[in-house]
Amino acid sequence: MTEVRATQRSSAFRLETSVEVCIQAEPARIWELLTDAKEFPRWNSTVTSIDGRIAEGESLKLRVPISDRTFTPKVSGVEPERRMIWSDGAAPFFRGVRTFELDRAGNETVFRMNEVMSGVFLPMIKGSLPDFAPVFEQYARDLKRAAEGGN
């Protein structure tokens, strides 16, 4: 897993993007980066700002360079140093669910990020959505660099 490559799957009412990368760092170091809202934009070029606390049950205000919209995901499913979920939208109309996972593998940690967008409005807006694969790849590269001490 030296090269970071996102994968995408799509159907009429579902769009899924995933990325995975091995990071030479402890899960605790990666978790620290993933849950420090204030410092997020310092290491992650795919995020402009995050307001709020990245913790169970909290709502965030997230800005990204590829959109003028402010996203408001809710944080759930938090298992420190292992997993968390950010979700936004209203099913069955349009919903995005992003899952972050960390798995220890020998002396490295496997980071996985998966986002599923779904809903009855997806076919109407799918053509106007950006290609998320390059964004996911950059996110993973930025996290790897920061966790391994390069940032």
N, C-alpha and C. Protein backbone atom coordinates (compact mmCIF):
# COMPACT_ATOMS: atom_id res chain seq x y z
N MET A 1 0.82 -1.20 0.00
CA MET A 1 0.00 0.00 0.00
C MET A 1 0.86 1.26 0.00
N THR A 2 1.87 1.31 -0.84
CA THR A 2 2.72 2.50 -0.87
C THR A 2 2.06 3.64 -1.62
N GLU A 3 1.37 3.30 -2.71
CA GLU A 3 0.67 4.33 -3.48
C GLU A 3 -0.75 4.47 -2.94
N VAL A 4 -1.18 5.69 -2.74
CA VAL A 4 -2.52 5.95 -2.23
C VAL A 4 -3.47 6.01 -3.41
N ARG A 5 -4.46 5.12 -3.43
CA ARG A 5 -5.44 5.05 -4.51
C ARG A 5 -6.83 4.91 -3.93
N ALA A 6 -7.69 5.84 -4.26
CA ALA A 6 -9.09 5.77 -3.82
C ALA A 6 -9.86 4.89 -4.80
N THR A 7 -10.90 4.27 -4.29
CA THR A 7 -11.80 3.49 -5.13
C THR A 7 -13.20 4.09 -5.04
N GLN A 8 -13.95 3.92 -6.11
CA GLN A 8 -15.32 4.44 -6.13
C GLN A 8 -16.25 3.39 -6.70
N ARG A 9 -17.45 3.35 -6.12
CA ARG A 9 -18.52 2.50 -6.64
C ARG A 9 -19.77 3.35 -6.70
N SER A 10 -20.54 3.14 -7.74
CA SER A 10 -21.72 3.98 -7.92
C SER A 10 -22.89 3.16 -8.45
N SER A 11 -24.07 3.50 -7.96
CA SER A 11 -25.32 2.98 -8.51
C SER A 11 -26.30 4.15 -8.52
N ALA A 12 -27.51 3.92 -8.91
CA ALA A 12 -28.47 5.02 -9.05
C ALA A 12 -28.63 5.84 -7.78
N PHE A 13 -28.72 5.19 -6.65
CA PHE A 13 -29.01 5.90 -5.40
C PHE A 13 -27.89 5.81 -4.38
N ARG A 14 -26.68 5.48 -4.83
CA ARG A 14 -25.57 5.31 -3.90
C ARG A 14 -24.25 5.64 -4.60
N LEU A 15 -23.40 6.41 -3.91
CA LEU A 15 -22.06 6.72 -4.39
C LEU A 15 -21.11 6.48 -3.22
N GLU A 16 -20.14 5.60 -3.42
CA GLU A 16 -19.21 5.23 -2.34
C GLU A 16 -17.78 5.51 -2.77
N THR A 17 -17.03 6.18 -1.91
CA THR A 17 -15.62 6.46 -2.14
C THR A 17 -14.84 5.96 -0.93
N SER A 18 -13.72 5.27 -1.18
CA SER A 18 -12.90 4.71 -0.11
C SER A 18 -11.43 4.95 -0.40
N VAL A 19 -10.65 5.04 0.66
CA VAL A 19 -9.20 5.13 0.54
C VAL A 19 -8.58 4.40 1.73
N GLU A 20 -7.38 3.89 1.51
CA GLU A 20 -6.66 3.16 2.55
C GLU A 20 -5.18 3.44 2.40
N VAL A 21 -4.48 3.60 3.53
CA VAL A 21 -3.04 3.83 3.49
C VAL A 21 -2.41 3.30 4.78
N CYS A 22 -1.21 2.76 4.65
CA CYS A 22 -0.43 2.32 5.82
C CYS A 22 0.41 3.49 6.30
N ILE A 23 0.37 3.70 7.61
CA ILE A 23 1.07 4.83 8.21
C ILE A 23 2.02 4.31 9.27
N GLN A 24 3.26 4.76 9.21
CA GLN A 24 4.28 4.37 10.19
C GLN A 24 4.12 5.21 11.45
N ALA A 25 3.04 4.96 12.18
CA ALA A 25 2.76 5.70 13.41
C ALA A 25 1.77 4.90 14.25
N GLU A 26 1.80 5.16 15.53
CA GLU A 26 0.85 4.53 16.46
C GLU A 26 -0.56 5.06 16.21
N PRO A 27 -1.58 4.24 16.45
CA PRO A 27 -2.95 4.72 16.33
C PRO A 27 -3.22 5.97 17.17
N ALA A 28 -2.60 6.07 18.33
CA ALA A 28 -2.81 7.24 19.20
C ALA A 28 -2.39 8.53 18.50
N ARG A 29 -1.30 8.51 17.78
CA ARG A 29 -0.82 9.71 17.06
C ARG A 29 -1.80 10.09 15.94
N ILE A 30 -2.27 9.10 15.20
CA ILE A 30 -3.20 9.36 14.10
C ILE A 30 -4.53 9.86 14.66
N TRP A 31 -5.00 9.24 15.74
CA TRP A 31 -6.26 9.65 16.38
C TRP A 31 -6.16 11.10 16.86
N GLU A 32 -5.03 11.45 17.40
CA GLU A 32 -4.82 12.84 17.86
C GLU A 32 -5.02 13.82 16.71
N LEU A 33 -4.48 13.51 15.55
CA LEU A 33 -4.65 14.37 14.38
C LEU A 33 -6.10 14.41 13.92
N LEU A 34 -6.76 13.25 13.90
CA LEU A 34 -8.13 13.15 13.40
C LEU A 34 -9.17 13.80 14.31
N THR A 35 -8.81 14.05 15.57
CA THR A 35 -9.80 14.58 16.51
C THR A 35 -9.47 15.98 17.03
N ASP A 36 -8.47 16.62 16.50
CA ASP A 36 -8.10 17.98 16.91
C ASP A 36 -8.62 18.96 15.85
N ALA A 37 -9.85 19.42 16.04
CA ALA A 37 -10.52 20.27 15.05
C ALA A 37 -9.73 21.53 14.74
N LYS A 38 -9.21 22.15 15.76
CA LYS A 38 -8.50 23.42 15.58
C LYS A 38 -7.28 23.27 14.66
N GLU A 39 -6.56 22.17 14.80
CA GLU A 39 -5.32 21.97 14.03
C GLU A 39 -5.54 21.27 12.69
N PHE A 40 -6.73 20.79 12.42
CA PHE A 40 -7.02 20.04 11.20
C PHE A 40 -6.51 20.74 9.93
N PRO A 41 -6.87 22.01 9.72
CA PRO A 41 -6.43 22.66 8.48
C PRO A 41 -4.91 22.83 8.36
N ARG A 42 -4.20 22.76 9.47
CA ARG A 42 -2.75 22.90 9.44
C ARG A 42 -2.10 21.73 8.69
N TRP A 43 -2.62 20.52 8.89
CA TRP A 43 -2.02 19.35 8.26
C TRP A 43 -2.83 18.81 7.09
N ASN A 44 -4.11 19.17 6.98
CA ASN A 44 -4.98 18.58 5.98
C ASN A 44 -5.39 19.62 4.94
N SER A 45 -4.83 19.53 3.75
CA SER A 45 -5.11 20.51 2.70
C SER A 45 -6.51 20.38 2.11
N THR A 46 -7.26 19.34 2.47
CA THR A 46 -8.62 19.17 1.95
C THR A 46 -9.67 19.77 2.88
N VAL A 47 -9.22 20.40 3.96
CA VAL A 47 -10.14 21.02 4.93
C VAL A 47 -9.70 22.46 5.17
N THR A 48 -10.64 23.40 5.03
CA THR A 48 -10.36 24.81 5.27
C THR A 48 -10.50 25.14 6.75
N SER A 49 -11.58 24.63 7.38
CA SER A 49 -11.79 24.88 8.80
C SER A 49 -12.79 23.88 9.37
N ILE A 50 -12.66 23.63 10.68
CA ILE A 50 -13.64 22.84 11.43
C ILE A 50 -13.91 23.59 12.71
N ASP A 51 -15.18 23.90 12.95
CA ASP A 51 -15.61 24.49 14.21
C ASP A 51 -16.36 23.42 14.97
N GLY A 52 -16.06 23.32 16.26
CA GLY A 52 -16.70 22.33 17.11
C GLY A 52 -15.69 21.33 17.64
N ARG A 53 -16.18 20.43 18.48
CA ARG A 53 -15.33 19.38 19.05
C ARG A 53 -15.58 18.08 18.32
N ILE A 54 -14.52 17.40 17.94
CA ILE A 54 -14.65 16.11 17.28
C ILE A 54 -14.73 15.06 18.38
N ALA A 55 -15.97 14.81 18.83
CA ALA A 55 -16.23 13.89 19.93
C ALA A 55 -17.65 13.34 19.79
N GLU A 56 -17.92 12.23 20.42
CA GLU A 56 -19.22 11.56 20.35
C GLU A 56 -20.38 12.52 20.58
N GLY A 57 -21.34 12.50 19.66
CA GLY A 57 -22.55 13.29 19.79
C GLY A 57 -22.43 14.75 19.40
N GLU A 58 -21.24 15.22 19.08
CA GLU A 58 -21.02 16.63 18.73
C GLU A 58 -21.35 16.89 17.26
N SER A 59 -21.76 18.11 16.98
CA SER A 59 -21.98 18.56 15.60
C SER A 59 -20.86 19.51 15.22
N LEU A 60 -20.41 19.40 13.99
CA LEU A 60 -19.29 20.20 13.49
C LEU A 60 -19.77 21.16 12.40
N LYS A 61 -18.99 22.19 12.17
CA LYS A 61 -19.16 23.06 11.01
C LYS A 61 -17.87 22.93 10.23
N LEU A 62 -17.97 22.33 9.06
CA LEU A 62 -16.82 21.96 8.26
C LEU A 62 -16.84 22.70 6.93
N ARG A 63 -15.70 23.33 6.61
CA ARG A 63 -15.55 24.02 5.31
C ARG A 63 -14.41 23.33 4.57
N VAL A 64 -14.61 23.18 3.25
CA VAL A 64 -13.62 22.53 2.41
C VAL A 64 -13.34 23.40 1.18
N PRO A 65 -12.15 23.29 0.61
CA PRO A 65 -11.80 24.15 -0.53
C PRO A 65 -12.61 23.88 -1.79
N ILE A 66 -13.21 22.70 -1.93
CA ILE A 66 -13.90 22.38 -3.19
C ILE A 66 -15.37 22.79 -3.18
N SER A 67 -15.83 23.47 -2.10
CA SER A 67 -17.24 23.86 -2.03
C SER A 67 -17.40 25.13 -1.21
N ASP A 68 -18.42 25.92 -1.55
CA ASP A 68 -18.74 27.11 -0.77
C ASP A 68 -19.67 26.76 0.40
N ARG A 69 -20.16 25.55 0.40
CA ARG A 69 -21.10 25.10 1.42
C ARG A 69 -20.40 24.81 2.75
N THR A 70 -21.10 25.07 3.85
CA THR A 70 -20.63 24.64 5.17
C THR A 70 -21.35 23.34 5.49
N PHE A 71 -20.57 22.28 5.70
CA PHE A 71 -21.13 20.97 6.04
C PHE A 71 -21.30 20.89 7.55
N THR A 72 -22.31 20.17 7.99
CA THR A 72 -22.59 20.09 9.44
C THR A 72 -22.74 18.64 9.89
N PRO A 73 -21.66 17.87 9.79
CA PRO A 73 -21.76 16.47 10.20
C PRO A 73 -21.88 16.31 11.72
N LYS A 74 -22.52 15.23 12.11
CA LYS A 74 -22.61 14.85 13.51
C LYS A 74 -21.65 13.68 13.72
N VAL A 75 -20.92 13.70 14.82
CA VAL A 75 -19.94 12.67 15.14
C VAL A 75 -20.62 11.58 15.97
N SER A 76 -20.40 10.32 15.57
CA SER A 76 -20.98 9.20 16.31
C SER A 76 -20.08 7.97 16.18
N GLY A 77 -20.46 6.91 16.86
CA GLY A 77 -19.73 5.64 16.75
C GLY A 77 -18.28 5.74 17.14
N VAL A 78 -17.96 6.64 18.07
CA VAL A 78 -16.56 6.87 18.43
C VAL A 78 -16.02 5.71 19.29
N GLU A 79 -14.97 5.11 18.80
CA GLU A 79 -14.18 4.12 19.54
C GLU A 79 -12.75 4.66 19.49
N PRO A 80 -12.29 5.34 20.55
CA PRO A 80 -10.99 6.01 20.50
C PRO A 80 -9.87 5.12 19.94
N GLU A 81 -9.10 5.72 19.05
CA GLU A 81 -7.96 5.10 18.38
C GLU A 81 -8.35 3.94 17.48
N ARG A 82 -9.67 3.82 17.17
CA ARG A 82 -10.12 2.73 16.29
C ARG A 82 -11.09 3.19 15.20
N ARG A 83 -12.13 3.99 15.59
CA ARG A 83 -13.19 4.23 14.62
C ARG A 83 -14.03 5.43 15.03
N MET A 84 -14.57 6.15 14.02
CA MET A 84 -15.59 7.16 14.24
C MET A 84 -16.34 7.39 12.94
N ILE A 85 -17.53 7.98 13.07
CA ILE A 85 -18.40 8.23 11.93
C ILE A 85 -18.81 9.70 11.94
N TRP A 86 -18.81 10.32 10.77
CA TRP A 86 -19.38 11.66 10.59
C TRP A 86 -20.54 11.50 9.62
N SER A 87 -21.72 11.99 9.97
CA SER A 87 -22.87 11.87 9.07
C SER A 87 -23.59 13.21 8.95
N ASP A 88 -24.13 13.44 7.77
CA ASP A 88 -24.79 14.70 7.45
C ASP A 88 -25.93 14.42 6.49
N GLY A 89 -26.98 15.22 6.54
CA GLY A 89 -28.08 15.07 5.62
C GLY A 89 -29.28 14.42 6.28
N ALA A 90 -30.28 14.14 5.46
CA ALA A 90 -31.53 13.58 5.96
C ALA A 90 -32.00 12.46 5.04
N ALA A 91 -31.93 11.23 5.55
CA ALA A 91 -32.46 10.09 4.79
C ALA A 91 -33.99 10.22 4.78
N PRO A 92 -34.66 9.82 3.76
CA PRO A 92 -34.19 9.13 2.56
C PRO A 92 -33.83 10.07 1.41
N PHE A 93 -33.77 11.37 1.68
CA PHE A 93 -33.54 12.35 0.61
C PHE A 93 -32.09 12.36 0.15
N PHE A 94 -31.18 12.74 1.03
CA PHE A 94 -29.75 12.72 0.71
C PHE A 94 -28.98 12.66 2.01
N ARG A 95 -28.08 11.73 2.09
CA ARG A 95 -27.31 11.54 3.32
C ARG A 95 -25.90 11.13 2.96
N GLY A 96 -24.93 11.69 3.70
CA GLY A 96 -23.54 11.29 3.57
C GLY A 96 -23.05 10.73 4.89
N VAL A 97 -22.40 9.58 4.84
CA VAL A 97 -21.87 8.94 6.04
C VAL A 97 -20.40 8.60 5.77
N ARG A 98 -19.51 9.24 6.54
CA ARG A 98 -18.07 9.01 6.41
C ARG A 98 -17.58 8.24 7.63
N THR A 99 -16.90 7.13 7.37
CA THR A 99 -16.36 6.29 8.44
C THR A 99 -14.84 6.33 8.39
N PHE A 100 -14.24 6.55 9.54
CA PHE A 100 -12.78 6.54 9.70
C PHE A 100 -12.43 5.32 10.53
N GLU A 101 -11.43 4.54 10.09
CA GLU A 101 -11.02 3.36 10.84
C GLU A 101 -9.50 3.28 10.92
N LEU A 102 -9.01 2.83 12.07
CA LEU A 102 -7.59 2.59 12.28
C LEU A 102 -7.41 1.15 12.73
N ASP A 103 -6.51 0.42 12.08
CA ASP A 103 -6.20 -0.96 12.46
C ASP A 103 -4.69 -1.11 12.58
N ARG A 104 -4.26 -1.58 13.73
CA ARG A 104 -2.83 -1.83 13.95
C ARG A 104 -2.41 -3.04 13.13
N ALA A 105 -1.31 -2.94 12.41
CA ALA A 105 -0.79 -4.03 11.59
C ALA A 105 0.72 -4.07 11.78
N GLY A 106 1.18 -4.84 12.76
CA GLY A 106 2.62 -4.89 13.05
C GLY A 106 3.09 -3.57 13.59
N ASN A 107 4.09 -2.97 12.93
CA ASN A 107 4.63 -1.69 13.40
C ASN A 107 4.02 -0.50 12.66
N GLU A 108 2.91 -0.71 11.99
CA GLU A 108 2.24 0.40 11.32
C GLU A 108 0.74 0.34 11.59
N THR A 109 0.05 1.39 11.16
CA THR A 109 -1.39 1.47 11.33
C THR A 109 -2.03 1.66 9.96
N VAL A 110 -3.06 0.88 9.70
CA VAL A 110 -3.81 1.02 8.45
C VAL A 110 -4.94 2.01 8.71
N PHE A 111 -4.95 3.09 7.93
CA PHE A 111 -6.02 4.09 8.00
C PHE A 111 -6.95 3.84 6.83
N ARG A 112 -8.25 3.76 7.14
CA ARG A 112 -9.28 3.62 6.10
C ARG A 112 -10.31 4.72 6.28
N MET A 113 -10.71 5.30 5.16
CA MET A 113 -11.79 6.28 5.16
C MET A 113 -12.75 5.90 4.04
N ASN A 114 -14.02 5.82 4.39
CA ASN A 114 -15.06 5.41 3.46
C ASN A 114 -16.23 6.38 3.59
N GLU A 115 -16.75 6.84 2.47
CA GLU A 115 -17.93 7.70 2.51
C GLU A 115 -18.98 7.16 1.56
N VAL A 116 -20.20 7.06 2.08
CA VAL A 116 -21.33 6.63 1.27
C VAL A 116 -22.33 7.77 1.22
N MET A 117 -22.63 8.21 0.00
CA MET A 117 -23.69 9.19 -0.21
C MET A 117 -24.86 8.43 -0.83
N SER A 118 -26.04 8.69 -0.28
CA SER A 118 -27.19 7.95 -0.77
C SER A 118 -28.45 8.79 -0.62
N GLY A 119 -29.50 8.35 -1.31
CA GLY A 119 -30.79 9.00 -1.18
C GLY A 119 -31.48 9.19 -2.52
N VAL A 120 -32.75 9.52 -2.43
CA VAL A 120 -33.55 9.67 -3.65
C VAL A 120 -33.14 10.89 -4.47
N PHE A 121 -32.50 11.88 -3.87
CA PHE A 121 -32.05 13.06 -4.61
C PHE A 121 -30.70 12.84 -5.30
N LEU A 122 -29.99 11.79 -4.93
CA LEU A 122 -28.65 11.57 -5.50
C LEU A 122 -28.64 11.55 -7.02
N PRO A 123 -29.56 10.85 -7.70
CA PRO A 123 -29.50 10.86 -9.16
C PRO A 123 -29.62 12.26 -9.77
N MET A 124 -30.32 13.14 -9.09
CA MET A 124 -30.51 14.50 -9.62
C MET A 124 -29.26 15.37 -9.45
N ILE A 125 -28.46 15.09 -8.43
CA ILE A 125 -27.29 15.95 -8.16
C ILE A 125 -25.96 15.28 -8.48
N LYS A 126 -25.97 13.99 -8.76
CA LYS A 126 -24.72 13.25 -8.96
C LYS A 126 -23.83 13.91 -10.01
N GLY A 127 -24.41 14.39 -11.09
CA GLY A 127 -23.63 15.01 -12.16
C GLY A 127 -22.94 16.30 -11.76
N SER A 128 -23.43 16.95 -10.71
CA SER A 128 -22.82 18.20 -10.26
C SER A 128 -21.80 17.99 -9.14
N LEU A 129 -21.67 16.77 -8.66
CA LEU A 129 -20.71 16.49 -7.59
C LEU A 129 -19.30 16.39 -8.16
N PRO A 130 -18.31 16.82 -7.37
CA PRO A 130 -16.92 16.69 -7.84
C PRO A 130 -16.48 15.23 -7.78
N ASP A 131 -15.36 14.94 -8.39
CA ASP A 131 -14.74 13.62 -8.28
C ASP A 131 -14.06 13.57 -6.92
N PHE A 132 -14.57 12.73 -6.03
CA PHE A 132 -14.05 12.67 -4.66
C PHE A 132 -12.77 11.85 -4.53
N ALA A 133 -12.44 11.03 -5.51
CA ALA A 133 -11.25 10.18 -5.42
C ALA A 133 -9.97 11.00 -5.18
N PRO A 134 -9.67 12.04 -5.96
CA PRO A 134 -8.45 12.81 -5.70
C PRO A 134 -8.45 13.47 -4.31
N VAL A 135 -9.60 13.89 -3.83
CA VAL A 135 -9.70 14.51 -2.51
C VAL A 135 -9.38 13.49 -1.43
N PHE A 136 -9.92 12.27 -1.54
CA PHE A 136 -9.65 11.21 -0.58
C PHE A 136 -8.18 10.82 -0.60
N GLU A 137 -7.61 10.75 -1.78
CA GLU A 137 -6.18 10.41 -1.90
C GLU A 137 -5.31 11.47 -1.23
N GLN A 138 -5.64 12.74 -1.45
CA GLN A 138 -4.87 13.82 -0.83
C GLN A 138 -5.03 13.80 0.69
N TYR A 139 -6.24 13.57 1.16
CA TYR A 139 -6.51 13.48 2.60
C TYR A 139 -5.61 12.41 3.23
N ALA A 140 -5.56 11.23 2.61
CA ALA A 140 -4.75 10.12 3.14
C ALA A 140 -3.26 10.46 3.10
N ARG A 141 -2.80 11.08 2.01
CA ARG A 141 -1.38 11.48 1.93
C ARG A 141 -1.04 12.52 3.00
N ASP A 142 -1.93 13.50 3.19
CA ASP A 142 -1.70 14.54 4.20
C ASP A 142 -1.63 13.93 5.60
N LEU A 143 -2.54 13.00 5.90
CA LEU A 143 -2.55 12.36 7.21
C LEU A 143 -1.28 11.55 7.43
N LYS A 144 -0.89 10.79 6.43
CA LYS A 144 0.34 9.98 6.52
C LYS A 144 1.55 10.89 6.80
N ARG A 145 1.68 11.96 6.03
CA ARG A 145 2.81 12.87 6.20
C ARG A 145 2.83 13.48 7.61
N ALA A 146 1.68 13.93 8.09
CA ALA A 146 1.61 14.55 9.41
C ALA A 146 1.88 13.54 10.52
N ALA A 147 1.31 12.35 10.41
CA ALA A 147 1.48 11.34 11.45
C ALA A 147 2.91 10.80 11.51
N GLU A 148 3.55 10.76 10.37
CA GLU A 148 4.92 10.24 10.32
C GLU A 148 5.95 11.33 10.61
N GLY A 149 5.48 12.53 10.94
CA GLY A 149 6.39 13.59 11.37
C GLY A 149 6.86 14.51 10.28
N GLY A 150 6.26 14.43 9.10
CA GLY A 150 6.70 15.26 7.99
C GLY A 150 5.99 16.59 7.91
N ASN A 151 5.20 16.95 8.94
CA ASN A 151 4.45 18.20 8.87
C ASN A 151 4.44 18.88 10.22
